[in-house]
All heavy atoms as atom14 arrays in JSON, in Angstrom:
{
  "sequence": "FTISSDNAKNTVYLQMNSLKPEDTAVYYCAAARLR",
  "atom14_mask": [
    [1, 1, 1, 1, 1, 1, 1, 1, 1, 1, 1, 0, 0, 0],
    [1, 1, 1, 1, 1, 1, 1, 0, 0, 0, 0, 0, 0, 0],
    [1, 1, 1, 1, 1, 1, 1, 1, 0, 0, 0, 0, 0, 0],
    [1, 1, 1, 1, 1, 1, 0, 0, 0, 0, 0, 0, 0, 0],
    [1, 1, 1, 1, 1, 1, 0, 0, 0, 0, 0, 0, 0, 0],
    [1, 1, 1, 1, 1, 1, 1, 1, 0, 0, 0, 0, 0, 0],
    [1, 1, 1, 1, 1, 1, 1, 1, 0, 0, 0, 0, 0, 0],
    [1, 1, 1, 1, 1, 0, 0, 0, 0, 0, 0, 0, 0, 0],
    [1, 1, 1, 1, 1, 1, 1, 1, 1, 0, 0, 0, 0, 0],
    [1, 1, 1, 1, 1, 1, 1, 1, 0, 0, 0, 0, 0, 0],
    [1, 1, 1, 1, 1, 1, 1, 0, 0, 0, 0, 0, 0, 0],
    [1, 1, 1, 1, 1, 1, 1, 0, 0, 0, 0, 0, 0, 0],
    [1, 1, 1, 1, 1, 1, 1, 1, 1, 1, 1, 1, 0, 0],
    [1, 1, 1, 1, 1, 1, 1, 1, 0, 0, 0, 0, 0, 0],
    [1, 1, 1, 1, 1, 1, 1, 1, 1, 0, 0, 0, 0, 0],
    [1, 1, 1, 1, 1, 1, 1, 1, 0, 0, 0, 0, 0, 0],
    [1, 1, 1, 1, 1, 1, 1, 1, 0, 0, 0, 0, 0, 0],
    [1, 1, 1, 1, 1, 1, 0, 0, 0, 0, 0, 0, 0, 0],
    [1, 1, 1, 1, 1, 1, 1, 1, 0, 0, 0, 0, 0, 0],
    [1, 1, 1, 1, 1, 1, 1, 1, 1, 0, 0, 0, 0, 0],
    [1, 1, 1, 1, 1, 1, 1, 0, 0, 0, 0, 0, 0, 0],
    [1, 1, 1, 1, 1, 1, 1, 1, 1, 0, 0, 0, 0, 0],
    [1, 1, 1, 1, 1, 1, 1, 1, 0, 0, 0, 0, 0, 0],
    [1, 1, 1, 1, 1, 1, 1, 0, 0, 0, 0, 0, 0, 0],
    [1, 1, 1, 1, 1, 0, 0, 0, 0, 0, 0, 0, 0, 0],
    [1, 1, 1, 1, 1, 1, 1, 0, 0, 0, 0, 0, 0, 0],
    [1, 1, 1, 1, 1, 1, 1, 1, 1, 1, 1, 1, 0, 0],
    [1, 1, 1, 1, 1, 1, 1, 1, 1, 1, 1, 1, 0, 0],
    [1, 1, 1, 1, 1, 1, 0, 0, 0, 0, 0, 0, 0, 0],
    [1, 1, 1, 1, 1, 0, 0, 0, 0, 0, 0, 0, 0, 0],
    [1, 1, 1, 1, 1, 0, 0, 0, 0, 0, 0, 0, 0, 0],
    [1, 1, 1, 1, 1, 0, 0, 0, 0, 0, 0, 0, 0, 0],
    [1, 1, 1, 1, 1, 1, 1, 1, 1, 1, 1, 0, 0, 0],
    [1, 1, 1, 1, 1, 1, 1, 1, 0, 0, 0, 0, 0, 0],
    [1, 1, 1, 1, 1, 1, 1, 1, 1, 1, 1, 0, 0, 0]
  ],
  "atom14_positions": [
    [[-47.75, 25.13, 7.99], [-46.59, 25.38, 7.13], [-45.86, 24.11, 6.87], [-45.75, 23.22, 7.75], [-45.63, 26.38, 7.82], [-46.15, 27.78, 8.0], [-47.46, 28.09, 7.69], [-45.32, 28.78, 8.49], [-47.94, 29.39, 7.84], [-45.8, 30.04, 8.65], [-47.1, 30.37, 8.34], [0.0, 0.0, 0.0], [0.0, 0.0, 0.0], [0.0, 0.0, 0.0]],
    [[-45.29, 24.0, 5.64], [-44.43, 22.89, 5.31], [-43.23, 23.38, 4.53], [-43.25, 24.46, 3.96], [-45.18, 21.82, 4.44], [-45.69, 22.45, 3.27], [-46.34, 21.24, 5.23], [0.0, 0.0, 0.0], [0.0, 0.0, 0.0], [0.0, 0.0, 0.0], [0.0, 0.0, 0.0], [0.0, 0.0, 0.0], [0.0, 0.0, 0.0], [0.0, 0.0, 0.0]],
    [[-42.16, 22.57, 4.54], [-40.94, 22.89, 3.8], [-40.65, 21.79, 2.84], [-40.78, 20.6, 3.18], [-39.74, 23.1, 4.77], [-39.85, 24.47, 5.43], [-38.43, 23.01, 4.04], [-38.65, 24.79, 6.36], [0.0, 0.0, 0.0], [0.0, 0.0, 0.0], [0.0, 0.0, 0.0], [0.0, 0.0, 0.0], [0.0, 0.0, 0.0], [0.0, 0.0, 0.0]],
    [[-40.19, 22.15, 1.63], [-39.74, 21.19, 0.66], [-38.53, 21.76, -0.04], [-38.28, 22.98, -0.02], [-40.84, 20.84, -0.35], [-41.22, 21.99, -1.08], [0.0, 0.0, 0.0], [0.0, 0.0, 0.0], [0.0, 0.0, 0.0], [0.0, 0.0, 0.0], [0.0, 0.0, 0.0], [0.0, 0.0, 0.0], [0.0, 0.0, 0.0], [0.0, 0.0, 0.0]],
    [[-37.76, 20.88, -0.7], [-36.57, 21.32, -1.42], [-36.51, 20.68, -2.8], [-36.97, 19.56, -2.97], [-35.31, 21.0, -0.62], [-35.15, 19.61, -0.45], [0.0, 0.0, 0.0], [0.0, 0.0, 0.0], [0.0, 0.0, 0.0], [0.0, 0.0, 0.0], [0.0, 0.0, 0.0], [0.0, 0.0, 0.0], [0.0, 0.0, 0.0], [0.0, 0.0, 0.0]],
    [[-35.97, 21.42, -3.71], [-35.72, 20.93, -5.08], [-34.23, 21.11, -5.31], [-33.77, 22.18, -5.65], [-36.56, 21.71, -6.08], [-36.45, 21.15, -7.48], [-35.44, 20.45, -7.77], [-37.34, 21.42, -8.31], [0.0, 0.0, 0.0], [0.0, 0.0, 0.0], [0.0, 0.0, 0.0], [0.0, 0.0, 0.0], [0.0, 0.0, 0.0], [0.0, 0.0, 0.0]],
    [[-33.47, 20.04, -5.09], [-32.04, 20.14, -5.19], [-31.53, 20.47, -6.59], [-30.54, 21.17, -6.75], [-31.39, 18.84, -4.73], [-31.52, 18.58, -3.25], [-32.02, 19.45, -2.52], [-31.08, 17.43, -2.79], [0.0, 0.0, 0.0], [0.0, 0.0, 0.0], [0.0, 0.0, 0.0], [0.0, 0.0, 0.0], [0.0, 0.0, 0.0], [0.0, 0.0, 0.0]],
    [[-32.27, 20.01, -7.61], [-31.91, 20.34, -8.99], [-31.97, 21.84, -9.26], [-31.2, 22.36, -10.07], [-32.8, 19.58, -9.96], [0.0, 0.0, 0.0], [0.0, 0.0, 0.0], [0.0, 0.0, 0.0], [0.0, 0.0, 0.0], [0.0, 0.0, 0.0], [0.0, 0.0, 0.0], [0.0, 0.0, 0.0], [0.0, 0.0, 0.0], [0.0, 0.0, 0.0]],
    [[-32.88, 22.52, -8.58], [-33.03, 23.96, -8.75], [-32.36, 24.76, -7.61], [-32.45, 25.99, -7.62], [-34.51, 24.34, -8.84], [-35.22, 23.77, -10.03], [-36.66, 24.25, -10.1], [-37.36, 23.73, -11.33], [-38.77, 24.18, -11.42], [0.0, 0.0, 0.0], [0.0, 0.0, 0.0], [0.0, 0.0, 0.0], [0.0, 0.0, 0.0], [0.0, 0.0, 0.0]],
    [[-31.74, 24.06, -6.67], [-31.1, 24.7, -5.53], [-32.07, 25.65, -4.82], [-31.71, 26.78, -4.49], [-29.84, 25.48, -5.98], [-28.8, 24.54, -6.61], [-28.49, 24.64, -7.78], [-28.26, 23.66, -5.79], [0.0, 0.0, 0.0], [0.0, 0.0, 0.0], [0.0, 0.0, 0.0], [0.0, 0.0, 0.0], [0.0, 0.0, 0.0], [0.0, 0.0, 0.0]],
    [[-33.27, 25.18, -4.58], [-34.31, 26.01, -4.02], [-35.04, 25.29, -2.91], [-35.33, 24.08, -3.02], [-35.29, 26.44, -5.11], [-34.62, 27.14, -6.13], [-36.4, 27.35, -4.52], [0.0, 0.0, 0.0], [0.0, 0.0, 0.0], [0.0, 0.0, 0.0], [0.0, 0.0, 0.0], [0.0, 0.0, 0.0], [0.0, 0.0, 0.0], [0.0, 0.0, 0.0]],
    [[-35.33, 26.0, -1.83], [-36.12, 25.54, -0.7], [-37.4, 26.36, -0.68], [-37.36, 27.57, -0.87], [-35.38, 25.64, 0.6], [-36.28, 25.3, 1.78], [-34.15, 24.74, 0.63], [0.0, 0.0, 0.0], [0.0, 0.0, 0.0], [0.0, 0.0, 0.0], [0.0, 0.0, 0.0], [0.0, 0.0, 0.0], [0.0, 0.0, 0.0], [0.0, 0.0, 0.0]],
    [[-38.53, 25.67, -0.46], [-39.85, 26.32, -0.46], [-40.48, 26.27, 0.9], [-40.5, 25.22, 1.54], [-40.79, 25.67, -1.47], [-40.26, 25.67, -2.91], [-39.51, 24.66, -3.41], [-40.6, 26.75, -3.75], [-39.04, 24.68, -4.71], [-40.16, 26.77, -5.04], [-39.38, 25.73, -5.53], [-38.95, 25.73, -6.83], [0.0, 0.0, 0.0], [0.0, 0.0, 0.0]],
    [[-41.03, 27.39, 1.31], [-41.88, 27.45, 2.5], [-43.32, 27.59, 2.04], [-43.68, 28.64, 1.49], [-41.47, 28.59, 3.42], [-42.32, 28.78, 4.67], [-42.14, 27.59, 5.64], [-41.99, 30.08, 5.38], [0.0, 0.0, 0.0], [0.0, 0.0, 0.0], [0.0, 0.0, 0.0], [0.0, 0.0, 0.0], [0.0, 0.0, 0.0], [0.0, 0.0, 0.0]],
    [[-44.11, 26.55, 2.23], [-45.54, 26.58, 1.88], [-46.32, 26.99, 3.11], [-46.24, 26.32, 4.15], [-45.99, 25.2, 1.36], [-47.44, 25.12, 1.02], [-47.84, 25.93, -0.19], [-47.15, 25.91, -1.18], [-48.92, 26.71, -0.09], [0.0, 0.0, 0.0], [0.0, 0.0, 0.0], [0.0, 0.0, 0.0], [0.0, 0.0, 0.0], [0.0, 0.0, 0.0]],
    [[-47.06, 28.05, 3.0], [-47.84, 28.6, 4.12], [-49.34, 28.53, 3.78], [-49.8, 29.13, 2.82], [-47.44, 30.05, 4.43], [-45.95, 30.21, 4.65], [-45.51, 31.89, 5.23], [-45.98, 32.83, 3.77], [0.0, 0.0, 0.0], [0.0, 0.0, 0.0], [0.0, 0.0, 0.0], [0.0, 0.0, 0.0], [0.0, 0.0, 0.0], [0.0, 0.0, 0.0]],
    [[-50.06, 27.78, 4.59], [-51.49, 27.6, 4.4], [-52.24, 28.14, 5.63], [-51.67, 28.3, 6.69], [-51.85, 26.13, 4.18], [-51.18, 25.53, 2.98], [-51.09, 26.16, 1.94], [-50.74, 24.29, 3.12], [0.0, 0.0, 0.0], [0.0, 0.0, 0.0], [0.0, 0.0, 0.0], [0.0, 0.0, 0.0], [0.0, 0.0, 0.0], [0.0, 0.0, 0.0]],
    [[-53.54, 28.37, 5.47], [-54.36, 28.85, 6.54], [-53.76, 30.03, 7.25], [-53.66, 30.11, 8.47], [-54.65, 27.71, 7.56], [-55.28, 26.6, 6.93], [0.0, 0.0, 0.0], [0.0, 0.0, 0.0], [0.0, 0.0, 0.0], [0.0, 0.0, 0.0], [0.0, 0.0, 0.0], [0.0, 0.0, 0.0], [0.0, 0.0, 0.0], [0.0, 0.0, 0.0]],
    [[-53.35, 31.01, 6.48], [-52.64, 32.15, 7.01], [-53.55, 33.0, 7.91], [-54.74, 33.11, 7.68], [-52.08, 33.02, 5.91], [-50.82, 32.43, 5.21], [-50.58, 33.13, 3.88], [-49.63, 32.58, 6.12], [0.0, 0.0, 0.0], [0.0, 0.0, 0.0], [0.0, 0.0, 0.0], [0.0, 0.0, 0.0], [0.0, 0.0, 0.0], [0.0, 0.0, 0.0]],
    [[-52.93, 33.57, 8.95], [-53.62, 34.37, 9.94], [-52.97, 35.77, 9.94], [-51.83, 35.95, 9.57], [-53.48, 33.75, 11.31], [-54.0, 32.33, 11.41], [-53.69, 31.74, 12.78], [-54.17, 30.33, 12.88], [-53.89, 29.7, 14.19], [0.0, 0.0, 0.0], [0.0, 0.0, 0.0], [0.0, 0.0, 0.0], [0.0, 0.0, 0.0], [0.0, 0.0, 0.0]],
    [[-53.75, 36.78, 10.38], [-53.16, 38.12, 10.46], [-51.86, 38.17, 11.28], [-50.97, 38.97, 10.94], [-54.28, 38.95, 11.1], [-55.53, 38.27, 10.7], [-55.18, 36.78, 10.69], [0.0, 0.0, 0.0], [0.0, 0.0, 0.0], [0.0, 0.0, 0.0], [0.0, 0.0, 0.0], [0.0, 0.0, 0.0], [0.0, 0.0, 0.0], [0.0, 0.0, 0.0]],
    [[-51.76, 37.38, 12.31], [-50.54, 37.37, 13.13], [-49.31, 36.78, 12.4], [-48.22, 36.85, 12.93], [-50.77, 36.64, 14.46], [-51.36, 35.25, 14.28], [-52.86, 35.24, 14.47], [-53.54, 36.15, 13.96], [-53.37, 34.31, 15.15], [0.0, 0.0, 0.0], [0.0, 0.0, 0.0], [0.0, 0.0, 0.0], [0.0, 0.0, 0.0], [0.0, 0.0, 0.0]],
    [[-49.51, 36.21, 11.23], [-48.4, 35.77, 10.4], [-47.75, 36.91, 9.62], [-46.71, 36.7, 8.98], [-48.85, 34.69, 9.41], [-49.31, 33.42, 10.1], [-48.67, 33.02, 11.1], [-50.31, 32.84, 9.66], [0.0, 0.0, 0.0], [0.0, 0.0, 0.0], [0.0, 0.0, 0.0], [0.0, 0.0, 0.0], [0.0, 0.0, 0.0], [0.0, 0.0, 0.0]],
    [[-48.33, 38.1, 9.67], [-47.78, 39.23, 8.95], [-46.38, 39.57, 9.49], [-46.2, 39.77, 10.67], [-48.7, 40.44, 9.12], [-49.95, 40.19, 8.49], [-48.09, 41.67, 8.45], [0.0, 0.0, 0.0], [0.0, 0.0, 0.0], [0.0, 0.0, 0.0], [0.0, 0.0, 0.0], [0.0, 0.0, 0.0], [0.0, 0.0, 0.0], [0.0, 0.0, 0.0]],
    [[-45.4, 39.6, 8.58], [-44.01, 39.83, 8.94], [-43.16, 39.83, 7.68], [-43.62, 39.48, 6.61], [-43.51, 38.77, 9.91], [0.0, 0.0, 0.0], [0.0, 0.0, 0.0], [0.0, 0.0, 0.0], [0.0, 0.0, 0.0], [0.0, 0.0, 0.0], [0.0, 0.0, 0.0], [0.0, 0.0, 0.0], [0.0, 0.0, 0.0], [0.0, 0.0, 0.0]],
    [[-41.9, 40.24, 7.86], [-40.9, 40.03, 6.84], [-40.29, 38.66, 7.07], [-39.86, 38.34, 8.18], [-39.8, 41.11, 6.86], [-38.74, 40.81, 5.84], [-40.43, 42.48, 6.63], [0.0, 0.0, 0.0], [0.0, 0.0, 0.0], [0.0, 0.0, 0.0], [0.0, 0.0, 0.0], [0.0, 0.0, 0.0], [0.0, 0.0, 0.0], [0.0, 0.0, 0.0]],
    [[-40.26, 37.85, 6.04], [-39.76, 36.48, 6.14], [-38.38, 36.39, 5.49], [-38.16, 36.89, 4.39], [-40.71, 35.5, 5.46], [-41.94, 35.22, 6.28], [-42.93, 36.18, 6.45], [-42.12, 33.99, 6.94], [-44.04, 35.95, 7.22], [-43.22, 33.75, 7.69], [-44.19, 34.72, 7.85], [-45.3, 34.45, 8.62], [0.0, 0.0, 0.0], [0.0, 0.0, 0.0]],
    [[-37.44, 35.74, 6.18], [-36.07, 35.58, 5.73], [-35.71, 34.11, 5.69], [-36.17, 33.32, 6.53], [-35.11, 36.27, 6.73], [-35.3, 37.73, 6.92], [-36.18, 38.19, 7.89], [-34.58, 38.67, 6.18], [-36.35, 39.56, 8.09], [-34.75, 40.01, 6.39], [-35.64, 40.47, 7.35], [-35.81, 41.8, 7.56], [0.0, 0.0, 0.0], [0.0, 0.0, 0.0]],
    [[-34.88, 33.75, 4.76], [-34.23, 32.43, 4.8], [-32.75, 32.61, 5.07], [-32.15, 33.65, 4.81], [-34.47, 31.63, 3.53], [-33.7, 32.3, 2.03], [0.0, 0.0, 0.0], [0.0, 0.0, 0.0], [0.0, 0.0, 0.0], [0.0, 0.0, 0.0], [0.0, 0.0, 0.0], [0.0, 0.0, 0.0], [0.0, 0.0, 0.0], [0.0, 0.0, 0.0]],
    [[-32.16, 31.59, 5.66], [-30.78, 31.64, 6.05], [-30.14, 30.24, 5.95], [-30.85, 29.24, 5.93], [-30.63, 32.18, 7.49], [0.0, 0.0, 0.0], [0.0, 0.0, 0.0], [0.0, 0.0, 0.0], [0.0, 0.0, 0.0], [0.0, 0.0, 0.0], [0.0, 0.0, 0.0], [0.0, 0.0, 0.0], [0.0, 0.0, 0.0], [0.0, 0.0, 0.0]],
    [[-28.81, 30.21, 5.92], [-28.08, 28.96, 5.81], [-27.05, 28.82, 6.94], [-26.45, 29.82, 7.33], [-27.36, 28.86, 4.48], [0.0, 0.0, 0.0], [0.0, 0.0, 0.0], [0.0, 0.0, 0.0], [0.0, 0.0, 0.0], [0.0, 0.0, 0.0], [0.0, 0.0, 0.0], [0.0, 0.0, 0.0], [0.0, 0.0, 0.0], [0.0, 0.0, 0.0]],
    [[-26.91, 27.6, 7.47], [-25.97, 27.32, 8.53], [-25.2, 26.04, 8.19], [-25.79, 25.03, 7.83], [-26.7, 27.14, 9.85], [0.0, 0.0, 0.0], [0.0, 0.0, 0.0], [0.0, 0.0, 0.0], [0.0, 0.0, 0.0], [0.0, 0.0, 0.0], [0.0, 0.0, 0.0], [0.0, 0.0, 0.0], [0.0, 0.0, 0.0], [0.0, 0.0, 0.0]],
    [[-23.88, 26.11, 8.34], [-23.06, 24.93, 8.11], [-23.33, 23.92, 9.22], [-23.32, 24.25, 10.4], [-21.58, 25.28, 8.07], [-20.67, 24.11, 7.75], [-19.21, 24.48, 7.85], [-18.85, 25.44, 6.83], [-18.44, 25.13, 5.59], [-18.4, 23.86, 5.23], [-18.13, 26.07, 4.75], [0.0, 0.0, 0.0], [0.0, 0.0, 0.0], [0.0, 0.0, 0.0]],
    [[-23.56, 22.67, 8.84], [-23.81, 21.64, 9.82], [-22.57, 21.31, 10.62], [-21.43, 21.33, 10.11], [-24.33, 20.36, 9.13], [-25.71, 20.48, 8.5], [-26.01, 19.25, 7.66], [-26.77, 20.67, 9.55], [0.0, 0.0, 0.0], [0.0, 0.0, 0.0], [0.0, 0.0, 0.0], [0.0, 0.0, 0.0], [0.0, 0.0, 0.0], [0.0, 0.0, 0.0]],
    [[-22.77, 21.03, 11.9], [-21.64, 20.76, 12.82], [-21.4, 19.27, 12.92], [-22.29, 18.43, 12.76], [-21.94, 21.34, 14.18], [-22.33, 22.81, 14.2], [-21.22, 23.67, 13.66], [-21.59, 25.08, 13.6], [-21.4, 25.96, 14.56], [-20.83, 25.6, 15.71], [-21.77, 27.21, 14.39], [0.0, 0.0, 0.0], [0.0, 0.0, 0.0], [0.0, 0.0, 0.0]]
  ]
}
């Protein structure tokens, strides 16, 4: 898995390769204010 961001589009991407059956799930994204 890799992560990339496109700030112009305000979008973060999770790229998932070589997927396995155990990767089956509901995937969520979330935001946290930096401390």
